[in-house]
Amino acid sequence: MKLSTPSLAPPTELRTRLCEGIELTGEVKFTEVMRVETKISGKVVSDSGSLVVSEKGYVQAVIEAGFVEVFGVVEGTITAKYKVQIRSGGRVTGDIYTPDLNIEHGAYFDGKCHMTA
């Protein structure tokens, strides 16, 4: 009998997109997938959704989500239940709490990483 570990994949269907020209300050809550192409300041929260910060995105906030993928800029603490990915060209300044961290060549990370179970 072969036992396999269930694979947890991030949500893939884009539900929310914050485009250029919008600037949000405060607390943003979302489910599923949210793509940020603008500036957010404050707090970004999702129980298990995916946050994608695009090349034009700038997030200055405390982030709590299932998955976080950074192509743009994040300044603040990231707590991801499952995984954080900093893509080439992405910049993160702040601490990261996650069980799985991937930093691509060409990405920038200045902070502490706390690997959680």
PDB file of N, CA and C in Angstrom:
ATOM      1  N   MET A   1       0.851  -1.180   0.000  1.00  0.00           N
ATOM      2  CA  MET A   1       0.000   0.000   0.000  1.00  0.00           C
ATOM      3  C   MET A   1       0.886   1.228   0.000  1.00  0.00           C
ATOM      4  N   LYS A   2       0.660   2.105  -0.925  1.00  0.00           N
ATOM      5  CA  LYS A   2       1.457   3.312  -1.051  1.00  0.00           C
ATOM      6  C   LYS A   2       0.667   4.506  -0.522  1.00  0.00           C
ATOM      7  N   LEU A   3       1.267   5.199   0.426  1.00  0.00           N
ATOM      8  CA  LEU A   3       0.642   6.397   0.975  1.00  0.00           C
ATOM      9  C   LEU A   3       1.277   7.608   0.322  1.00  0.00           C
ATOM     10  N   SER A   4       0.471   8.547  -0.057  1.00  0.00           N
ATOM     11  CA  SER A   4       1.020   9.767  -0.650  1.00  0.00           C
ATOM     12  C   SER A   4       0.571  10.975   0.149  1.00  0.00           C
ATOM     13  N   THR A   5       1.440  11.953   0.157  1.00  0.00           N
ATOM     14  CA  THR A   5       1.126  13.199   0.838  1.00  0.00           C
ATOM     15  C   THR A   5       0.274  14.050  -0.092  1.00  0.00           C
ATOM     16  N   PRO A   6      -0.839  14.572   0.384  1.00  0.00           N
ATOM     17  CA  PRO A   6      -1.665  15.405  -0.482  1.00  0.00           C
ATOM     18  C   PRO A   6      -0.889  16.646  -0.914  1.00  0.00           C
ATOM     19  N   SER A   7      -1.055  17.007  -2.161  1.00  0.00           N
ATOM     20  CA  SER A   7      -0.384  18.181  -2.701  1.00  0.00           C
ATOM     21  C   SER A   7      -1.310  19.376  -2.548  1.00  0.00           C
ATOM     22  N   LEU A   8      -0.794  20.413  -1.948  1.00  0.00           N
ATOM     23  CA  LEU A   8      -1.584  21.616  -1.753  1.00  0.00           C
ATOM     24  C   LEU A   8      -1.142  22.644  -2.773  1.00  0.00           C
ATOM     25  N   ALA A   9      -1.985  22.942  -3.711  1.00  0.00           N
ATOM     26  CA  ALA A   9      -1.670  23.911  -4.762  1.00  0.00           C
ATOM     27  C   ALA A   9      -2.396  25.212  -4.465  1.00  0.00           C
ATOM     28  N   PRO A  10      -1.772  26.327  -4.830  1.00  0.00           N
ATOM     29  CA  PRO A  10      -2.432  27.614  -4.595  1.00  0.00           C
ATOM     30  C   PRO A  10      -3.646  27.773  -5.493  1.00  0.00           C
ATOM     31  N   PRO A  11      -4.640  28.535  -5.046  1.00  0.00           N
ATOM     32  CA  PRO A  11      -5.775  28.839  -5.919  1.00  0.00           C
ATOM     33  C   PRO A  11      -5.256  29.513  -7.189  1.00  0.00           C
ATOM     34  N   THR A  12      -5.881  29.227  -8.319  1.00  0.00           N
ATOM     35  CA  THR A  12      -5.372  29.759  -9.581  1.00  0.00           C
ATOM     36  C   THR A  12      -6.333  30.691 -10.303  1.00  0.00           C
ATOM     37  N   GLU A  13      -7.592  30.649  -9.980  1.00  0.00           N
ATOM     38  CA  GLU A  13      -8.555  31.476 -10.688  1.00  0.00           C
ATOM     39  C   GLU A  13      -8.573  32.891 -10.113  1.00  0.00           C
ATOM     40  N   LEU A  14      -8.179  33.866 -10.953  1.00  0.00           N
ATOM     41  CA  LEU A  14      -8.124  35.254 -10.525  1.00  0.00           C
ATOM     42  C   LEU A  14      -9.529  35.766 -10.217  1.00  0.00           C
ATOM     43  N   ARG A  15      -9.739  36.237  -9.001  1.00  0.00           N
ATOM     44  CA  ARG A  15     -11.043  36.751  -8.579  1.00  0.00           C
ATOM     45  C   ARG A  15     -11.041  38.265  -8.407  1.00  0.00           C
ATOM     46  N   THR A  16      -9.896  38.814  -7.960  1.00  0.00           N
ATOM     47  CA  THR A  16      -9.825  40.239  -7.685  1.00  0.00           C
ATOM     48  C   THR A  16      -8.552  40.804  -8.281  1.00  0.00           C
ATOM     49  N   ARG A  17      -8.694  41.947  -8.944  1.00  0.00           N
ATOM     50  CA  ARG A  17      -7.539  42.604  -9.548  1.00  0.00           C
ATOM     51  C   ARG A  17      -7.610  44.089  -9.227  1.00  0.00           C
ATOM     52  N   LEU A  18      -6.593  44.587  -8.537  1.00  0.00           N
ATOM     53  CA  LEU A  18      -6.517  46.000  -8.197  1.00  0.00           C
ATOM     54  C   LEU A  18      -5.535  46.645  -9.164  1.00  0.00           C
ATOM     55  N   CYS A  19      -6.057  47.449 -10.089  1.00  0.00           N
ATOM     56  CA  CYS A  19      -5.269  47.990 -11.191  1.00  0.00           C
ATOM     57  C   CYS A  19      -4.641  49.338 -10.854  1.00  0.00           C
ATOM     58  N   GLU A  20      -3.741  49.763 -11.738  1.00  0.00           N
ATOM     59  CA  GLU A  20      -3.094  51.061 -11.606  1.00  0.00           C
ATOM     60  C   GLU A  20      -4.152  52.155 -11.500  1.00  0.00           C
ATOM     61  N   GLY A  21      -3.794  53.216 -10.783  1.00  0.00           N
ATOM     62  CA  GLY A  21      -4.710  54.334 -10.632  1.00  0.00           C
ATOM     63  C   GLY A  21      -5.522  54.278  -9.353  1.00  0.00           C
ATOM     64  N   ILE A  22      -5.483  53.137  -8.673  1.00  0.00           N
ATOM     65  CA  ILE A  22      -6.184  52.980  -7.397  1.00  0.00           C
ATOM     66  C   ILE A  22      -5.129  52.987  -6.299  1.00  0.00           C
ATOM     67  N   GLU A  23      -5.408  53.669  -5.198  1.00  0.00           N
ATOM     68  CA  GLU A  23      -4.526  53.609  -4.039  1.00  0.00           C
ATOM     69  C   GLU A  23      -5.388  53.315  -2.825  1.00  0.00           C
ATOM     70  N   LEU A  24      -5.096  52.203  -2.144  1.00  0.00           N
ATOM     71  CA  LEU A  24      -5.898  51.781  -0.999  1.00  0.00           C
ATOM     72  C   LEU A  24      -5.110  51.921   0.294  1.00  0.00           C
ATOM     73  N   THR A  25      -5.784  52.431   1.327  1.00  0.00           N
ATOM     74  CA  THR A  25      -5.210  52.526   2.655  1.00  0.00           C
ATOM     75  C   THR A  25      -6.214  51.928   3.622  1.00  0.00           C
ATOM     76  N   GLY A  26      -5.747  50.991   4.449  1.00  0.00           N
ATOM     77  CA  GLY A  26      -6.632  50.336   5.404  1.00  0.00           C
ATOM     78  C   GLY A  26      -6.453  48.836   5.357  1.00  0.00           C
ATOM     79  N   GLU A  27      -7.541  48.114   5.609  1.00  0.00           N
ATOM     80  CA  GLU A  27      -7.496  46.652   5.630  1.00  0.00           C
ATOM     81  C   GLU A  27      -8.235  46.089   4.414  1.00  0.00           C
ATOM     82  N   VAL A  28      -7.550  45.220   3.677  1.00  0.00           N
ATOM     83  CA  VAL A  28      -8.129  44.574   2.504  1.00  0.00           C
ATOM     84  C   VAL A  28      -8.256  43.092   2.802  1.00  0.00           C
ATOM     85  N   LYS A  29      -9.476  42.544   2.670  1.00  0.00           N
ATOM     86  CA  LYS A  29      -9.723  41.119   2.875  1.00  0.00           C
ATOM     87  C   LYS A  29     -10.153  40.508   1.552  1.00  0.00           C
ATOM     88  N   PHE A  30      -9.654  39.298   1.253  1.00  0.00           N
ATOM     89  CA  PHE A  30     -10.013  38.651  -0.001  1.00  0.00           C
ATOM     90  C   PHE A  30     -10.043  37.139   0.162  1.00  0.00           C
ATOM     91  N   THR A  31     -10.678  36.475  -0.791  1.00  0.00           N
ATOM     92  CA  THR A  31     -10.666  35.021  -0.889  1.00  0.00           C
ATOM     93  C   THR A  31     -10.119  34.678  -2.272  1.00  0.00           C
ATOM     94  N   GLU A  32      -9.775  33.443  -2.494  1.00  0.00           N
ATOM     95  CA  GLU A  32      -9.257  32.979  -3.792  1.00  0.00           C
ATOM     96  C   GLU A  32      -7.949  33.668  -4.151  1.00  0.00           C
ATOM     97  N   VAL A  33      -7.918  34.408  -5.294  1.00  0.00           N
ATOM     98  CA  VAL A  33      -6.690  35.035  -5.797  1.00  0.00           C
ATOM     99  C   VAL A  33      -6.894  36.539  -5.960  1.00  0.00           C
ATOM    100  N   MET A  34      -5.948  37.324  -5.448  1.00  0.00           N
ATOM    101  CA  MET A  34      -5.975  38.771  -5.651  1.00  0.00           C
ATOM    102  C   MET A  34      -4.651  39.212  -6.257  1.00  0.00           C
ATOM    103  N   ARG A  35      -4.725  39.943  -7.364  1.00  0.00           N
ATOM    104  CA  ARG A  35      -3.537  40.477  -8.043  1.00  0.00           C
ATOM    105  C   ARG A  35      -3.491  41.980  -7.793  1.00  0.00           C
ATOM    106  N   VAL A  36      -2.336  42.463  -7.303  1.00  0.00           N
ATOM    107  CA  VAL A  36      -2.165  43.872  -6.975  1.00  0.00           C
ATOM    108  C   VAL A  36      -1.246  44.517  -8.005  1.00  0.00           C
ATOM    109  N   GLU A  37      -1.765  45.522  -8.694  1.00  0.00           N
ATOM    110  CA  GLU A  37      -0.996  46.264  -9.693  1.00  0.00           C
ATOM    111  C   GLU A  37      -0.948  47.742  -9.328  1.00  0.00           C
ATOM    112  N   THR A  38      -1.101  48.045  -8.053  1.00  0.00           N
ATOM    113  CA  THR A  38      -1.179  49.420  -7.561  1.00  0.00           C
ATOM    114  C   THR A  38      -0.577  49.484  -6.164  1.00  0.00           C
ATOM    115  N   LYS A  39      -0.872  50.538  -5.406  1.00  0.00           N
ATOM    116  CA  LYS A  39      -0.323  50.700  -4.063  1.00  0.00           C
ATOM    117  C   LYS A  39      -1.378  50.387  -3.001  1.00  0.00           C
ATOM    118  N   ILE A  40      -0.971  49.570  -2.030  1.00  0.00           N
ATOM    119  CA  ILE A  40      -1.816  49.266  -0.867  1.00  0.00           C
ATOM    120  C   ILE A  40      -0.993  49.555   0.381  1.00  0.00           C
ATOM    121  N   SER A  41      -1.601  50.237   1.343  1.00  0.00           N
ATOM    122  CA  SER A  41      -0.971  50.495   2.637  1.00  0.00           C
ATOM    123  C   SER A  41      -1.915  50.023   3.731  1.00  0.00           C
ATOM    124  N   GLY A  42      -1.384  49.333   4.737  1.00  0.00           N
ATOM    125  CA  GLY A  42      -2.203  48.893   5.864  1.00  0.00           C
ATOM    126  C   GLY A  42      -2.063  47.427   6.145  1.00  0.00           C
ATOM    127  N   LYS A  43      -3.126  46.642   5.839  1.00  0.00           N
ATOM    128  CA  LYS A  43      -3.148  45.219   6.128  1.00  0.00           C
ATOM    129  C   LYS A  43      -3.874  44.485   5.002  1.00  0.00           C
ATOM    130  N   VAL A  44      -3.321  43.346   4.581  1.00  0.00           N
ATOM    131  CA  VAL A  44      -3.930  42.513   3.545  1.00  0.00           C
ATOM    132  C   VAL A  44      -4.135  41.129   4.151  1.00  0.00           C
ATOM    133  N   VAL A  45      -5.385  40.625   4.127  1.00  0.00           N
ATOM    134  CA  VAL A  45      -5.718  39.398   4.845  1.00  0.00           C
ATOM    135  C   VAL A  45      -6.537  38.437   3.982  1.00  0.00           C
ATOM    136  N   SER A  46      -6.150  37.163   4.029  1.00  0.00           N
ATOM    137  CA  SER A  46      -6.936  36.082   3.434  1.00  0.00           C
ATOM    138  C   SER A  46      -6.651  34.819   4.222  1.00  0.00           C
ATOM    139  N   ASP A  47      -7.693  34.009   4.468  1.00  0.00           N
ATOM    140  CA  ASP A  47      -7.485  32.773   5.216  1.00  0.00           C
ATOM    141  C   ASP A  47      -6.569  31.812   4.483  1.00  0.00           C
ATOM    142  N   SER A  48      -6.803  31.595   3.200  1.00  0.00           N
ATOM    143  CA  SER A  48      -5.971  30.648   2.456  1.00  0.00           C
ATOM    144  C   SER A  48      -5.783  31.029   0.995  1.00  0.00           C
ATOM    145  N   GLY A  49      -6.153  32.249   0.631  1.00  0.00           N
ATOM    146  CA  GLY A  49      -6.056  32.693  -0.752  1.00  0.00           C
ATOM    147  C   GLY A  49      -4.636  33.028  -1.176  1.00  0.00           C
ATOM    148  N   SER A  50      -4.482  33.358  -2.458  1.00  0.00           N
ATOM    149  CA  SER A  50      -3.190  33.712  -3.035  1.00  0.00           C
ATOM    150  C   SER A  50      -3.127  35.207  -3.319  1.00  0.00           C
ATOM    151  N   LEU A  51      -2.066  35.837  -2.841  1.00  0.00           N
ATOM    152  CA  LEU A  51      -1.805  37.236  -3.139  1.00  0.00           C
ATOM    153  C   LEU A  51      -0.663  37.295  -4.143  1.00  0.00           C
ATOM    154  N   VAL A  52      -0.899  37.967  -5.273  1.00  0.00           N
ATOM    155  CA  VAL A  52       0.130  38.165  -6.282  1.00  0.00           C
ATOM    156  C   VAL A  52       0.390  39.660  -6.381  1.00  0.00           C
ATOM    157  N   VAL A  53       1.624  40.071  -6.067  1.00  0.00           N
ATOM    158  CA  VAL A  53       2.024  41.469  -6.194  1.00  0.00           C
ATOM    159  C   VAL A  53       2.762  41.580  -7.522  1.00  0.00           C
ATOM    160  N   SER A  54       2.125  42.240  -8.502  1.00  0.00           N
ATOM    161  CA  SER A  54       2.685  42.319  -9.853  1.00  0.00           C
ATOM    162  C   SER A  54       3.902  43.239  -9.896  1.00  0.00           C
ATOM    163  N   GLU A  55       4.532  43.307 -11.059  1.00  0.00           N
ATOM    164  CA  GLU A  55       5.709  44.153 -11.260  1.00  0.00           C
ATOM    165  C   GLU A  55       5.426  45.611 -10.903  1.00  0.00           C
ATOM    166  N   LYS A  56       4.203  46.071 -11.120  1.00  0.00           N
ATOM    167  CA  LYS A  56       3.824  47.453 -10.822  1.00  0.00           C
ATOM    168  C   LYS A  56       3.229  47.600  -9.423  1.00  0.00           C
ATOM    169  N   GLY A  57       3.091  46.496  -8.704  1.00  0.00           N
ATOM    170  CA  GLY A  57       2.481  46.534  -7.380  1.00  0.00           C
ATOM    171  C   GLY A  57       3.440  46.991  -6.302  1.00  0.00           C
ATOM    172  N   TYR A  58       2.898  47.729  -5.337  1.00  0.00           N
ATOM    173  CA  TYR A  58       3.663  48.208  -4.192  1.00  0.00           C
ATOM    174  C   TYR A  58       2.779  48.032  -2.962  1.00  0.00           C
ATOM    175  N   VAL A  59       3.169  47.123  -2.084  1.00  0.00           N
ATOM    176  CA  VAL A  59       2.377  46.830  -0.895  1.00  0.00           C
ATOM    177  C   VAL A  59       3.204  47.180   0.334  1.00  0.00           C
ATOM    178  N   GLN A  60       2.714  48.139   1.097  1.00  0.00           N
ATOM    179  CA  GLN A  60       3.344  48.555   2.346  1.00  0.00           C
ATOM    180  C   GLN A  60       2.364  48.175   3.443  1.00  0.00           C
ATOM    181  N   ALA A  61       2.467  46.900   3.883  1.00  0.00           N
ATOM    182  CA  ALA A  61       1.421  46.378   4.756  1.00  0.00           C
ATOM    183  C   ALA A  61       1.867  45.125   5.491  1.00  0.00           C
ATOM    184  N   VAL A  62       1.068  44.755   6.455  1.00  0.00           N
ATOM    185  CA  VAL A  62       1.158  43.440   7.079  1.00  0.00           C
ATOM    186  C   VAL A  62       0.323  42.520   6.207  1.00  0.00           C
ATOM    187  N   ILE A  63       0.918  41.418   5.763  1.00  0.00           N
ATOM    188  CA  ILE A  63       0.229  40.489   4.864  1.00  0.00           C
ATOM    189  C   ILE A  63       0.031  39.156   5.569  1.00  0.00           C
ATOM    190  N   GLU A  64      -1.199  38.643   5.514  1.00  0.00           N
ATOM    191  CA  GLU A  64      -1.527  37.314   6.017  1.00  0.00           C
ATOM    192  C   GLU A  64      -2.335  36.618   4.931  1.00  0.00           C
ATOM    193  N   ALA A  65      -1.770  35.538   4.356  1.00  0.00           N
ATOM    194  CA  ALA A  65      -2.449  34.836   3.269  1.00  0.00           C
ATOM    195  C   ALA A  65      -1.970  33.394   3.225  1.00  0.00           C
ATOM    196  N   GLY A  66      -2.589  32.618   2.346  1.00  0.00           N
ATOM    197  CA  GLY A  66      -2.157  31.242   2.165  1.00  0.00           C
ATOM    198  C   GLY A  66      -0.871  31.167   1.359  1.00  0.00           C
ATOM    199  N   PHE A  67      -0.876  31.867   0.214  1.00  0.00           N
ATOM    200  CA  PHE A  67       0.262  31.918  -0.687  1.00  0.00           C
ATOM    201  C   PHE A  67       0.547  33.374  -1.025  1.00  0.00           C
ATOM    202  N   VAL A  68       1.826  33.724  -1.135  1.00  0.00           N
ATOM    203  CA  VAL A  68       2.207  35.081  -1.528  1.00  0.00           C
ATOM    204  C   VAL A  68       3.283  34.973  -2.606  1.00  0.00           C
ATOM    205  N   GLU A  69       3.045  35.652  -3.730  1.00  0.00           N
ATOM    206  CA  GLU A  69       3.999  35.656  -4.840  1.00  0.00           C
ATOM    207  C   GLU A  69       4.320  37.118  -5.157  1.00  0.00           C
ATOM    208  N   VAL A  70       5.615  37.470  -5.146  1.00  0.00           N
ATOM    209  CA  VAL A  70       6.025  38.862  -5.279  1.00  0.00           C
ATOM    210  C   VAL A  70       6.856  39.059  -6.549  1.00  0.00           C
ATOM    211  N   PHE A  71       6.332  39.872  -7.456  1.00  0.00           N
ATOM    212  CA  PHE A  71       7.056  40.320  -8.640  1.00  0.00           C
ATOM    213  C   PHE A  71       7.447  41.788  -8.469  1.00  0.00           C
ATOM    214  N   GLY A  72       6.705  42.513  -7.616  1.00  0.00           N
ATOM    215  CA  GLY A  72       6.901  43.940  -7.384  1.00  0.00           C
ATOM    216  C   GLY A  72       7.591  44.197  -6.056  1.00  0.00           C
ATOM    217  N   VAL A  73       7.019  45.097  -5.243  1.00  0.00           N
ATOM    218  CA  VAL A  73       7.643  45.516  -3.991  1.00  0.00           C
ATOM    219  C   VAL A  73       6.696  45.278  -2.813  1.00  0.00           C
ATOM    220  N   VAL A  74       7.241  44.670  -1.763  1.00  0.00           N
ATOM    221  CA  VAL A  74       6.513  44.513  -0.501  1.00  0.00           C
ATOM    222  C   VAL A  74       7.397  45.045   0.618  1.00  0.00           C
ATOM    223  N   GLU A  75       6.837  45.939   1.420  1.00  0.00           N
ATOM    224  CA  GLU A  75       7.490  46.425   2.629  1.00  0.00           C
ATOM    225  C   GLU A  75       6.567  46.105   3.790  1.00  0.00           C
ATOM    226  N   GLY A  76       7.004  45.181   4.656  1.00  0.00           N
ATOM    227  CA  GLY A  76       6.178  44.789   5.790  1.00  0.00           C
ATOM    228  C   GLY A  76       6.324  43.305   6.067  1.00  0.00           C
ATOM    229  N   THR A  77       5.617  42.846   7.056  1.00  0.00           N
ATOM    230  CA  THR A  77       5.684  41.449   7.479  1.00  0.00           C
ATOM    231  C   THR A  77       4.751  40.592   6.635  1.00  0.00           C
ATOM    232  N   ILE A  78       5.279  39.461   6.159  1.00  0.00           N
ATOM    233  CA  ILE A  78       4.478  38.498   5.400  1.00  0.00           C
ATOM    234  C   ILE A  78       4.332  37.236   6.232  1.00  0.00           C
ATOM    235  N   THR A  79       3.088  36.812   6.445  1.00  0.00           N
ATOM    236  CA  THR A  79       2.806  35.526   7.069  1.00  0.00           C
ATOM    237  C   THR A  79       1.998  34.723   6.058  1.00  0.00           C
ATOM    238  N   ALA A  80       2.608  33.659   5.543  1.00  0.00           N
ATOM    239  CA  ALA A  80       1.940  32.821   4.550  1.00  0.00           C
ATOM    240  C   ALA A  80       1.781  31.421   5.121  1.00  0.00           C
ATOM    241  N   LYS A  81       0.560  30.946   5.101  1.00  0.00           N
ATOM    242  CA  LYS A  81       0.242  29.638   5.649  1.00  0.00           C
ATOM    243  C   LYS A  81       0.978  28.513   4.911  1.00  0.00           C
ATOM    244  N   TYR A  82       1.189  28.701   3.587  1.00  0.00           N
ATOM    245  CA  TYR A  82       1.752  27.622   2.778  1.00  0.00           C
ATOM    246  C   TYR A  82       3.063  27.957   2.083  1.00  0.00           C
ATOM    247  N   LYS A  83       3.159  29.118   1.404  1.00  0.00           N
ATOM    248  CA  LYS A  83       4.359  29.382   0.612  1.00  0.00           C
ATOM    249  C   LYS A  83       4.503  30.861   0.259  1.00  0.00           C
ATOM    250  N   VAL A  84       5.773  31.321   0.208  1.00  0.00           N
ATOM    251  CA  VAL A  84       6.118  32.653  -0.296  1.00  0.00           C
ATOM    252  C   VAL A  84       7.118  32.463  -1.433  1.00  0.00           C
ATOM    253  N   GLN A  85       6.868  33.161  -2.539  1.00  0.00           N
ATOM    254  CA  GLN A  85       7.793  33.143  -3.666  1.00  0.00           C
ATOM    255  C   GLN A  85       8.153  34.588  -4.005  1.00  0.00           C
ATOM    256  N   ILE A  86       9.460  34.877  -4.031  1.00  0.00           N
ATOM    257  CA  ILE A  86       9.930  36.183  -4.466  1.00  0.00           C
ATOM    258  C   ILE A  86      10.556  35.958  -5.835  1.00  0.00           C
ATOM    259  N   ARG A  87       9.921  36.471  -6.853  1.00  0.00           N
ATOM    260  CA  ARG A  87      10.352  36.258  -8.234  1.00  0.00           C
ATOM    261  C   ARG A  87      11.473  37.220  -8.608  1.00  0.00           C
ATOM    262  N   SER A  88      12.201  36.895  -9.667  1.00  0.00           N
ATOM    263  CA  SER A  88      13.267  37.752 -10.165  1.00  0.00           C
ATOM    264  C   SER A  88      12.724  39.159 -10.393  1.00  0.00           C
ATOM    265  N   GLY A  89      13.390  40.148  -9.824  1.00  0.00           N
ATOM    266  CA  GLY A  89      12.916  41.531  -9.914  1.00  0.00           C
ATOM    267  C   GLY A  89      12.040  41.930  -8.744  1.00  0.00           C
ATOM    268  N   GLY A  90      11.543  40.963  -7.980  1.00  0.00           N
ATOM    269  CA  GLY A  90      10.718  41.254  -6.810  1.00  0.00           C
ATOM    270  C   GLY A  90      11.577  41.725  -5.646  1.00  0.00           C
ATOM    271  N   ARG A  91      10.986  42.564  -4.787  1.00  0.00           N
ATOM    272  CA  ARG A  91      11.712  43.111  -3.638  1.00  0.00           C
ATOM    273  C   ARG A  91      10.848  42.989  -2.382  1.00  0.00           C
ATOM    274  N   VAL A  92      11.411  42.366  -1.352  1.00  0.00           N
ATOM    275  CA  VAL A  92      10.724  42.249  -0.066  1.00  0.00           C
ATOM    276  C   VAL A  92      11.640  42.796   1.018  1.00  0.00           C
ATOM    277  N   THR A  93      11.117  43.770   1.776  1.00  0.00           N
ATOM    278  CA  THR A  93      11.818  44.308   2.929  1.00  0.00           C
ATOM    279  C   THR A  93      10.911  44.077   4.127  1.00  0.00           C
ATOM    280  N   GLY A  94      11.304  43.150   4.996  1.00  0.00           N
ATOM    281  CA  GLY A  94      10.498  42.809   6.160  1.00  0.00           C
ATOM    282  C   GLY A  94      10.615  41.329   6.458  1.00  0.00           C
ATOM    283  N   ASP A  95      10.081  40.923   7.574  1.00  0.00           N
ATOM    284  CA  ASP A  95      10.173  39.522   7.999  1.00  0.00           C
ATOM    285  C   ASP A  95       9.138  38.660   7.300  1.00  0.00           C
ATOM    286  N   ILE A  96       9.509  37.389   7.109  1.00  0.00           N
ATOM    287  CA  ILE A  96       8.629  36.416   6.465  1.00  0.00           C
ATOM    288  C   ILE A  96       8.441  35.233   7.395  1.00  0.00           C
ATOM    289  N   TYR A  97       7.188  34.822   7.580  1.00  0.00           N
ATOM    290  CA  TYR A  97       6.838  33.634   8.359  1.00  0.00           C
ATOM    291  C   TYR A  97       6.128  32.667   7.411  1.00  0.00           C
ATOM    292  N   THR A  98       6.734  31.531   7.129  1.00  0.00           N
ATOM    293  CA  THR A  98       6.155  30.567   6.196  1.00  0.00           C
ATOM    294  C   THR A  98       6.869  29.229   6.308  1.00  0.00           C
ATOM    295  N   PRO A  99       6.209  28.133   5.948  1.00  0.00           N
ATOM    296  CA  PRO A  99       6.906  26.844   5.934  1.00  0.00           C
ATOM    297  C   PRO A  99       7.715  26.617   4.654  1.00  0.00           C
ATOM    298  N   ASP A 100       7.474  27.432   3.604  1.00  0.00           N
ATOM    299  CA  ASP A 100       8.116  27.201   2.312  1.00  0.00           C
ATOM    300  C   ASP A 100       8.449  28.549   1.668  1.00  0.00           C
ATOM    301  N   LEU A 101       9.750  28.819   1.466  1.00  0.00           N
ATOM    302  CA  LEU A 101      10.196  30.080   0.878  1.00  0.00           C
ATOM    303  C   LEU A 101      11.047  29.800  -0.344  1.00  0.00           C
ATOM    304  N   ASN A 102      10.740  30.496  -1.451  1.00  0.00           N
ATOM    305  CA  ASN A 102      11.510  30.375  -2.682  1.00  0.00           C
ATOM    306  C   ASN A 102      11.904  31.774  -3.119  1.00  0.00           C
ATOM    307  N   ILE A 103      13.224  32.002  -3.252  1.00  0.00           N
ATOM    308  CA  ILE A 103      13.735  33.294  -3.697  1.00  0.00           C
ATOM    309  C   ILE A 103      14.509  33.055  -4.990  1.00  0.00           C
ATOM    310  N   GLU A 104      14.036  33.616  -6.086  1.00  0.00           N
ATOM    311  CA  GLU A 104      14.680  33.422  -7.373  1.00  0.00           C
ATOM    312  C   GLU A 104      15.915  34.317  -7.509  1.00  0.00           C
ATOM    313  N   HIS A 105      16.819  33.894  -8.383  1.00  0.00           N
ATOM    314  CA  HIS A 105      17.982  34.702  -8.720  1.00  0.00           C
ATOM    315  C   HIS A 105      17.495  36.039  -9.273  1.00  0.00           C
ATOM    316  N   GLY A 106      18.064  37.139  -8.781  1.00  0.00           N
ATOM    317  CA  GLY A 106      17.638  38.462  -9.239  1.00  0.00           C
ATOM    318  C   GLY A 106      16.596  39.100  -8.344  1.00  0.00           C
ATOM    319  N   ALA A 107      16.128  38.359  -7.338  1.00  0.00           N
ATOM    320  CA  ALA A 107      15.169  38.912  -6.370  1.00  0.00           C
ATOM    321  C   ALA A 107      15.944  39.547  -5.217  1.00  0.00           C
ATOM    322  N   TYR A 108      15.247  40.369  -4.420  1.00  0.00           N
ATOM    323  CA  TYR A 108      15.863  41.053  -3.297  1.00  0.00           C
ATOM    324  C   TYR A 108      15.040  40.755  -2.041  1.00  0.00           C
ATOM    325  N   PHE A 109      15.728  40.361  -0.958  1.00  0.00           N
ATOM    326  CA  PHE A 109      15.063  40.103   0.318  1.00  0.00           C
ATOM    327  C   PHE A 109      15.931  40.658   1.430  1.00  0.00           C
ATOM    328  N   ASP A 110      15.371  41.566   2.232  1.00  0.00           N
ATOM    329  CA  ASP A 110      16.066  42.132   3.384  1.00  0.00           C
ATOM    330  C   ASP A 110      15.152  41.964   4.585  1.00  0.00           C
ATOM    331  N   GLY A 111      15.476  41.005   5.430  1.00  0.00           N
ATOM    332  CA  GLY A 111      14.665  40.741   6.612  1.00  0.00           C
ATOM    333  C   GLY A 111      15.036  39.395   7.184  1.00  0.00           C
ATOM    334  N   LYS A 112      14.208  38.901   8.070  1.00  0.00           N
ATOM    335  CA  LYS A 112      14.427  37.591   8.674  1.00  0.00           C
ATOM    336  C   LYS A 112      13.347  36.635   8.174  1.00  0.00           C
ATOM    337  N   CYS A 113      13.740  35.401   7.983  1.00  0.00           N
ATOM    338  CA  CYS A 113      12.768  34.372   7.599  1.00  0.00           C
ATOM    339  C   CYS A 113      12.585  33.433   8.772  1.00  0.00           C
ATOM    340  N   HIS A 114      11.354  33.212   9.141  1.00  0.00           N
ATOM    341  CA  HIS A 114      11.007  32.304  10.222  1.00  0.00           C
ATOM    342  C   HIS A 114      10.248  31.135   9.598  1.00  0.00           C
ATOM    343  N   MET A 115      10.883  29.977   9.549  1.00  0.00           N
ATOM    344  CA  MET A 115      10.260  28.803   8.935  1.00  0.00           C
ATOM    345  C   MET A 115       9.317  28.167   9.944  1.00  0.00           C
ATOM    346  N   THR A 116       8.043  28.112   9.578  1.00  0.00           N
ATOM    347  CA  THR A 116       7.020  27.565  10.456  1.00  0.00           C
ATOM    348  C   THR A 116       6.604  26.188   9.975  1.00  0.00           C
ATOM    349  N   ALA A 117       5.997  25.434  10.842  1.00  0.00           N
ATOM    350  CA  ALA A 117       5.568  24.081  10.466  1.00  0.00           C
ATOM    351  C   ALA A 117       4.153  24.080   9.942  1.00  0.00           C
TER     352      ALA A 117
END
